[in-house]
N, C-alpha and C. Protein backbone atom coordinates (compact mmCIF):
# COMPACT_ATOMS: atom_id res chain seq x y z
N MET A 1 -26.13 114.46 38.65
CA MET A 1 -24.78 113.96 38.78
C MET A 1 -23.88 114.83 37.90
N PRO A 2 -22.81 115.36 38.42
CA PRO A 2 -21.92 116.21 37.62
C PRO A 2 -21.27 115.42 36.48
N SER A 3 -21.03 116.10 35.36
CA SER A 3 -20.43 115.44 34.21
C SER A 3 -19.00 114.99 34.49
N SER A 4 -18.39 115.51 35.53
CA SER A 4 -17.02 115.10 35.88
C SER A 4 -16.99 113.76 36.61
N ASP A 5 -18.15 113.31 37.11
CA ASP A 5 -18.21 112.02 37.81
C ASP A 5 -17.93 110.87 36.85
N ARG A 6 -17.35 109.82 37.38
CA ARG A 6 -17.09 108.60 36.62
C ARG A 6 -17.87 107.47 37.28
N ILE A 7 -18.49 106.62 36.47
CA ILE A 7 -19.26 105.50 37.00
C ILE A 7 -18.58 104.20 36.57
N LYS A 8 -18.41 103.29 37.52
CA LYS A 8 -17.81 101.98 37.23
C LYS A 8 -18.77 100.91 37.73
N ILE A 9 -19.12 99.99 36.83
CA ILE A 9 -20.00 98.88 37.18
C ILE A 9 -19.25 97.59 36.88
N LYS A 10 -19.16 96.72 37.87
CA LYS A 10 -18.44 95.46 37.69
C LYS A 10 -19.38 94.30 37.95
N VAL A 11 -19.39 93.34 37.02
CA VAL A 11 -20.19 92.13 37.20
C VAL A 11 -19.41 91.21 38.13
N GLU A 12 -20.01 90.88 39.25
CA GLU A 12 -19.34 90.06 40.25
C GLU A 12 -19.03 88.66 39.71
N ARG A 13 -17.94 88.10 40.13
CA ARG A 13 -17.56 86.75 39.70
C ARG A 13 -18.55 85.70 40.18
N GLU A 14 -19.21 85.98 41.33
CA GLU A 14 -20.17 85.03 41.89
C GLU A 14 -21.57 85.24 41.33
N GLN A 15 -21.72 86.06 40.30
CA GLN A 15 -23.03 86.37 39.72
C GLN A 15 -23.72 85.08 39.29
N ARG A 16 -24.97 84.88 39.75
CA ARG A 16 -25.70 83.65 39.45
C ARG A 16 -26.66 83.80 38.27
N ALA A 17 -27.06 85.01 37.96
CA ALA A 17 -27.99 85.24 36.86
C ALA A 17 -27.26 85.90 35.69
N GLN A 18 -27.81 85.72 34.49
CA GLN A 18 -27.22 86.36 33.32
C GLN A 18 -27.42 87.87 33.42
N VAL A 19 -26.38 88.63 33.07
CA VAL A 19 -26.44 90.09 33.11
C VAL A 19 -26.35 90.59 31.68
N ILE A 20 -27.24 91.51 31.34
CA ILE A 20 -27.25 92.08 30.00
C ILE A 20 -27.24 93.60 30.12
N LEU A 21 -26.38 94.25 29.35
CA LEU A 21 -26.33 95.70 29.26
C LEU A 21 -27.11 96.11 28.03
N THR A 22 -28.08 97.02 28.20
CA THR A 22 -28.78 97.56 27.05
C THR A 22 -28.45 99.03 26.91
N VAL A 23 -28.26 99.45 25.67
CA VAL A 23 -27.91 100.84 25.38
C VAL A 23 -29.09 101.47 24.67
N ASP A 24 -29.70 102.46 25.28
CA ASP A 24 -30.83 103.18 24.71
C ASP A 24 -31.99 102.24 24.38
N GLY A 25 -32.05 101.11 25.07
CA GLY A 25 -33.13 100.17 24.85
C GLY A 25 -33.09 99.49 23.49
N GLN A 26 -32.01 99.64 22.76
CA GLN A 26 -31.94 99.14 21.40
C GLN A 26 -30.97 97.97 21.24
N ILE A 27 -29.78 98.11 21.78
CA ILE A 27 -28.73 97.12 21.58
C ILE A 27 -28.47 96.42 22.92
N ALA A 28 -28.41 95.08 22.90
CA ALA A 28 -28.16 94.32 24.13
C ALA A 28 -26.82 93.62 24.04
N PHE A 29 -26.04 93.72 25.13
CA PHE A 29 -24.74 93.09 25.21
C PHE A 29 -24.72 92.15 26.41
N PRO A 30 -24.60 90.83 26.20
CA PRO A 30 -24.46 89.94 27.35
C PRO A 30 -23.13 90.19 28.04
N LEU A 31 -23.14 90.22 29.35
CA LEU A 31 -21.92 90.46 30.12
C LEU A 31 -21.51 89.18 30.85
N GLU A 32 -20.23 89.05 31.06
CA GLU A 32 -19.67 87.89 31.74
C GLU A 32 -19.17 88.30 33.13
N ALA A 33 -19.00 87.34 34.00
CA ALA A 33 -18.44 87.59 35.32
C ALA A 33 -17.07 88.26 35.16
N GLY A 34 -16.86 89.32 35.91
CA GLY A 34 -15.59 90.04 35.85
C GLY A 34 -15.58 91.20 34.86
N ASP A 35 -16.59 91.31 33.98
CA ASP A 35 -16.66 92.43 33.05
C ASP A 35 -16.82 93.73 33.81
N VAL A 36 -16.24 94.80 33.28
CA VAL A 36 -16.33 96.12 33.90
C VAL A 36 -16.85 97.11 32.86
N ILE A 37 -17.85 97.89 33.25
CA ILE A 37 -18.39 98.96 32.41
C ILE A 37 -17.99 100.27 33.06
N ARG A 38 -17.39 101.16 32.27
CA ARG A 38 -17.02 102.49 32.77
C ARG A 38 -17.80 103.52 31.96
N ILE A 39 -18.43 104.46 32.67
CA ILE A 39 -19.22 105.50 32.04
C ILE A 39 -18.58 106.84 32.38
N THR A 40 -18.23 107.58 31.33
CA THR A 40 -17.60 108.89 31.51
C THR A 40 -18.28 109.90 30.60
N GLU A 41 -17.94 111.16 30.79
CA GLU A 41 -18.49 112.23 29.98
C GLU A 41 -17.99 112.12 28.54
N LEU A 42 -18.88 112.35 27.59
CA LEU A 42 -18.52 112.36 26.18
C LEU A 42 -17.89 113.70 25.86
N ASP A 43 -16.82 113.69 25.06
CA ASP A 43 -16.14 114.95 24.75
C ASP A 43 -16.80 115.71 23.61
N LYS A 44 -17.95 115.22 23.13
CA LYS A 44 -18.69 115.89 22.07
C LYS A 44 -20.07 116.29 22.59
N LYS A 45 -20.64 117.30 21.98
CA LYS A 45 -22.00 117.72 22.32
C LYS A 45 -23.00 116.90 21.52
N VAL A 46 -24.16 116.66 22.10
CA VAL A 46 -25.22 115.91 21.45
C VAL A 46 -26.43 116.81 21.31
N ASN A 47 -26.99 116.86 20.11
CA ASN A 47 -28.21 117.63 19.90
C ASN A 47 -29.41 116.78 20.26
N ILE A 48 -30.28 117.35 21.06
CA ILE A 48 -31.50 116.67 21.48
C ILE A 48 -32.68 117.35 20.78
N ILE A 49 -33.53 116.56 20.17
CA ILE A 49 -34.70 117.11 19.50
C ILE A 49 -35.80 117.28 20.53
N ARG A 50 -36.39 118.44 20.55
CA ARG A 50 -37.50 118.70 21.47
C ARG A 50 -38.76 118.98 20.68
N SER A 51 -39.86 118.60 21.26
CA SER A 51 -41.16 118.81 20.63
C SER A 51 -42.06 119.55 21.60
N ASP A 52 -42.79 120.52 21.08
CA ASP A 52 -43.75 121.21 21.95
C ASP A 52 -45.08 120.46 22.01
N LYS A 53 -45.17 119.35 21.27
CA LYS A 53 -46.40 118.57 21.24
C LYS A 53 -46.37 117.40 22.22
N ARG A 54 -45.20 116.81 22.45
CA ARG A 54 -45.07 115.64 23.33
C ARG A 54 -43.83 115.81 24.20
N SER A 55 -43.96 115.48 25.47
CA SER A 55 -42.80 115.52 26.36
C SER A 55 -42.10 114.16 26.36
N PHE A 56 -40.84 114.15 26.73
CA PHE A 56 -40.09 112.90 26.83
C PHE A 56 -40.81 111.93 27.76
N TYR A 57 -41.24 112.44 28.92
CA TYR A 57 -41.88 111.58 29.90
C TYR A 57 -43.24 111.09 29.40
N GLY A 58 -43.94 111.90 28.63
CA GLY A 58 -45.20 111.46 28.04
C GLY A 58 -45.00 110.31 27.08
N VAL A 59 -43.93 110.38 26.28
CA VAL A 59 -43.62 109.30 25.34
C VAL A 59 -43.26 108.03 26.11
N VAL A 60 -42.41 108.14 27.13
CA VAL A 60 -42.02 106.97 27.93
C VAL A 60 -43.25 106.37 28.60
N LYS A 61 -44.07 107.22 29.18
CA LYS A 61 -45.30 106.75 29.84
C LYS A 61 -46.18 105.99 28.86
N SER A 62 -46.32 106.51 27.66
CA SER A 62 -47.14 105.85 26.63
C SER A 62 -46.53 104.51 26.21
N LYS A 63 -45.23 104.48 26.00
CA LYS A 63 -44.57 103.25 25.55
C LYS A 63 -44.61 102.16 26.62
N LEU A 64 -44.58 102.55 27.88
CA LEU A 64 -44.63 101.57 28.97
C LEU A 64 -46.05 101.20 29.35
N GLY A 65 -47.02 101.86 28.73
CA GLY A 65 -48.42 101.53 29.00
C GLY A 65 -48.91 102.03 30.35
N TRP A 66 -48.28 103.08 30.87
CA TRP A 66 -48.70 103.62 32.16
C TRP A 66 -49.89 104.56 31.93
N SER A 67 -50.98 104.29 32.57
CA SER A 67 -52.19 105.09 32.38
C SER A 67 -52.19 106.36 33.22
N GLY A 68 -51.34 106.41 34.22
CA GLY A 68 -51.32 107.57 35.11
C GLY A 68 -52.16 107.36 36.35
N GLY A 69 -52.96 106.29 36.35
CA GLY A 69 -53.78 105.98 37.52
C GLY A 69 -52.95 105.26 38.57
N ASN A 70 -53.54 105.00 39.72
CA ASN A 70 -52.86 104.27 40.78
C ASN A 70 -52.93 102.79 40.47
N ASN A 71 -51.78 102.18 40.21
CA ASN A 71 -51.72 100.75 39.86
C ASN A 71 -51.36 99.87 41.04
N ALA A 72 -51.66 100.32 42.25
CA ALA A 72 -51.28 99.58 43.45
C ALA A 72 -52.08 98.33 43.62
C-alpha cells in the first residue's frame, strides 16, 4: 500500500459487539459506535532493528505457537 494512501475505519452505529483497537499488541482502546480511526503516513522516519539471528516472521510464529506443520 503506498504511503500516500489514507485509511479510515468507522465503527458502525448498529455495532452489536464490543470493538477494541490494539496498537502494536500492547495498548487496547475500547471504541464506541460512531468512532472513526484515521491512519496516515507518519512525517518522521522510524528505525527498525534487524537481527541476522531471528526473522520478524520467525518471532511472530514462535509467539503464536505455530509449529509450521499443517494444522488443518
